Amino acid sequence: MLKRKLGNSDTIVSAVGIGAMSFTNFYGQTDEIASHKILTNALDYDINHIDTSNVYGMGHSETVIGNFLAKQGKQKNFLFKITTKASI
């Protein structure tokens, strides 16, 4: 997987990321099991970038991600770079 610097930081993320709005029912019916499969597959393909926001399902996407990471043991803090967007 191609990796890139995130903005002006030294953080390296995969060029392809996961859009976590898909972990809510915004695009159609889904559940946590399917979302966790997506995250597992992302790791298999060396994808380490997740984009989420507190408005995605009113926090549901973060809950799904958090539940997945809680099952990953000590490595949980090193699997993904989680980002969001902001505007002024």
C-alpha atoms as a PDB file:
ATOM      1  CA  MET A   1       0.000   0.000   0.000  1.00  0.00           C
ATOM      2  CA  LEU A   2       1.289   3.420  -0.950  1.00  0.00           C
ATOM      3  CA  LYS A   3       1.848   5.630   2.127  1.00  0.00           C
ATOM      4  CA  ARG A   4       1.866   9.427   2.404  1.00  0.00           C
ATOM      5  CA  LYS A   5       2.607  12.091   4.972  1.00  0.00           C
ATOM      6  CA  LEU A   6      -0.520  13.498   6.577  1.00  0.00           C
ATOM      7  CA  GLY A   7      -0.470  17.232   5.948  1.00  0.00           C
ATOM      8  CA  ASN A   8       2.533  18.982   7.490  1.00  0.00           C
ATOM      9  CA  SER A   9       2.981  16.328  10.180  1.00  0.00           C
ATOM     10  CA  ASP A  10       5.371  13.383  10.329  1.00  0.00           C
ATOM     11  CA  THR A  11       2.398  11.002  10.495  1.00  0.00           C
ATOM     12  CA  ILE A  12       2.370   8.433   7.702  1.00  0.00           C
ATOM     13  CA  VAL A  13      -0.983   7.121   6.459  1.00  0.00           C
ATOM     14  CA  SER A  14      -2.083   4.796   3.700  1.00  0.00           C
ATOM     15  CA  ALA A  15      -3.080   6.508   0.452  1.00  0.00           C
ATOM     16  CA  VAL A  16      -6.398   4.652   0.676  1.00  0.00           C
ATOM     17  CA  GLY A  17      -8.465   5.103   3.809  1.00  0.00           C
ATOM     18  CA  ILE A  18     -11.693   3.846   5.306  1.00  0.00           C
ATOM     19  CA  GLY A  19     -14.646   6.239   5.413  1.00  0.00           C
ATOM     20  CA  ALA A  20     -16.369   5.387   8.674  1.00  0.00           C
ATOM     21  CA  MET A  21     -19.729   6.858   7.707  1.00  0.00           C
ATOM     22  CA  SER A  22     -20.217   3.437   6.125  1.00  0.00           C
ATOM     23  CA  PHE A  23     -20.262   2.011   9.683  1.00  0.00           C
ATOM     24  CA  THR A  24     -23.588   3.760  10.232  1.00  0.00           C
ATOM     25  CA  ASN A  25     -26.763   3.095   8.263  1.00  0.00           C
ATOM     26  CA  PHE A  26     -26.213   6.187   6.079  1.00  0.00           C
ATOM     27  CA  TYR A  27     -25.474   4.237   2.879  1.00  0.00           C
ATOM     28  CA  GLY A  28     -27.713   1.299   3.707  1.00  0.00           C
ATOM     29  CA  GLN A  29     -28.262  -1.290   6.404  1.00  0.00           C
ATOM     30  CA  THR A  30     -25.096  -2.474   8.155  1.00  0.00           C
ATOM     31  CA  ASP A  31     -24.029  -3.889  11.489  1.00  0.00           C
ATOM     32  CA  GLU A  32     -20.964  -3.991  13.712  1.00  0.00           C
ATOM     33  CA  ILE A  33     -19.913  -7.444  12.508  1.00  0.00           C
ATOM     34  CA  ALA A  34     -19.726  -6.223   8.900  1.00  0.00           C
ATOM     35  CA  SER A  35     -17.885  -3.082   9.980  1.00  0.00           C
ATOM     36  CA  HIS A  36     -15.343  -5.131  11.928  1.00  0.00           C
ATOM     37  CA  LYS A  37     -14.768  -7.278   8.839  1.00  0.00           C
ATOM     38  CA  ILE A  38     -14.017  -4.107   6.886  1.00  0.00           C
ATOM     39  CA  LEU A  39     -11.468  -3.049   9.516  1.00  0.00           C
ATOM     40  CA  THR A  40      -9.870  -6.503   9.522  1.00  0.00           C
ATOM     41  CA  ASN A  41      -9.632  -6.469   5.716  1.00  0.00           C
ATOM     42  CA  ALA A  42      -8.163  -2.968   5.840  1.00  0.00           C
ATOM     43  CA  LEU A  43      -5.359  -4.231   8.065  1.00  0.00           C
ATOM     44  CA  ASP A  44      -4.780  -7.164   5.705  1.00  0.00           C
ATOM     45  CA  TYR A  45      -4.235  -4.622   2.896  1.00  0.00           C
ATOM     46  CA  ASP A  46      -2.024  -2.386   5.066  1.00  0.00           C
ATOM     47  CA  ILE A  47      -4.652   0.366   5.212  1.00  0.00           C
ATOM     48  CA  ASN A  48      -4.109   2.356   8.396  1.00  0.00           C
ATOM     49  CA  HIS A  49      -6.205   5.490   7.818  1.00  0.00           C
ATOM     50  CA  ILE A  50      -9.780   5.868   9.095  1.00  0.00           C
ATOM     51  CA  ASP A  51     -11.785   9.039   8.542  1.00  0.00           C
ATOM     52  CA  THR A  52     -14.644   9.542  10.981  1.00  0.00           C
ATOM     53  CA  SER A  53     -16.675  12.276  12.617  1.00  0.00           C
ATOM     54  CA  ASN A  54     -18.872  12.546  15.671  1.00  0.00           C
ATOM     55  CA  VAL A  55     -21.834  13.278  13.386  1.00  0.00           C
ATOM     56  CA  TYR A  56     -21.535   9.898  11.623  1.00  0.00           C
ATOM     57  CA  GLY A  57     -24.462   8.155  13.239  1.00  0.00           C
ATOM     58  CA  MET A  58     -24.198  10.589  16.170  1.00  0.00           C
ATOM     59  CA  GLY A  59     -21.047   8.875  17.421  1.00  0.00           C
ATOM     60  CA  HIS A  60     -21.911   5.378  16.242  1.00  0.00           C
ATOM     61  CA  SER A  61     -18.905   5.090  13.918  1.00  0.00           C
ATOM     62  CA  GLU A  62     -16.537   5.887  16.799  1.00  0.00           C
ATOM     63  CA  THR A  63     -18.255   3.259  18.948  1.00  0.00           C
ATOM     64  CA  VAL A  64     -17.804   0.641  16.225  1.00  0.00           C
ATOM     65  CA  ILE A  65     -14.132   1.550  15.812  1.00  0.00           C
ATOM     66  CA  GLY A  66     -13.594   1.592  19.575  1.00  0.00           C
ATOM     67  CA  ASN A  67     -15.205  -1.820  20.019  1.00  0.00           C
ATOM     68  CA  PHE A  68     -12.957  -3.237  17.284  1.00  0.00           C
ATOM     69  CA  LEU A  69      -9.830  -1.739  18.826  1.00  0.00           C
ATOM     70  CA  ALA A  70     -10.794  -2.982  22.298  1.00  0.00           C
ATOM     71  CA  LYS A  71     -10.457  -6.539  20.964  1.00  0.00           C
ATOM     72  CA  GLN A  72      -6.953  -5.958  19.562  1.00  0.00           C
ATOM     73  CA  GLY A  73      -4.938  -6.090  22.786  1.00  0.00           C
ATOM     74  CA  LYS A  74      -1.771  -4.060  23.214  1.00  0.00           C
ATOM     75  CA  GLN A  75      -1.383  -3.413  19.486  1.00  0.00           C
ATOM     76  CA  LYS A  76      -4.631  -1.393  19.370  1.00  0.00           C
ATOM     77  CA  ASN A  77      -2.817   1.950  19.637  1.00  0.00           C
ATOM     78  CA  PHE A  78      -0.659   1.252  16.592  1.00  0.00           C
ATOM     79  CA  LEU A  79      -3.122  -0.141  14.034  1.00  0.00           C
ATOM     80  CA  PHE A  80      -4.855   2.950  12.666  1.00  0.00           C
ATOM     81  CA  LYS A  81      -4.487   6.686  12.344  1.00  0.00           C
ATOM     82  CA  ILE A  82      -7.940   8.114  12.965  1.00  0.00           C
ATOM     83  CA  THR A  83      -8.720  11.488  11.411  1.00  0.00           C
ATOM     84  CA  THR A  84     -11.622  13.874  11.029  1.00  0.00           C
ATOM     85  CA  LYS A  85     -12.352  17.088   9.166  1.00  0.00           C
ATOM     86  CA  ALA A  86     -12.916  20.562  10.495  1.00  0.00           C
ATOM     87  CA  SER A  87     -13.890  23.931   9.173  1.00  0.00           C
ATOM     88  CA  ILE A  88     -14.082  27.493  10.401  1.00  0.00           C
END
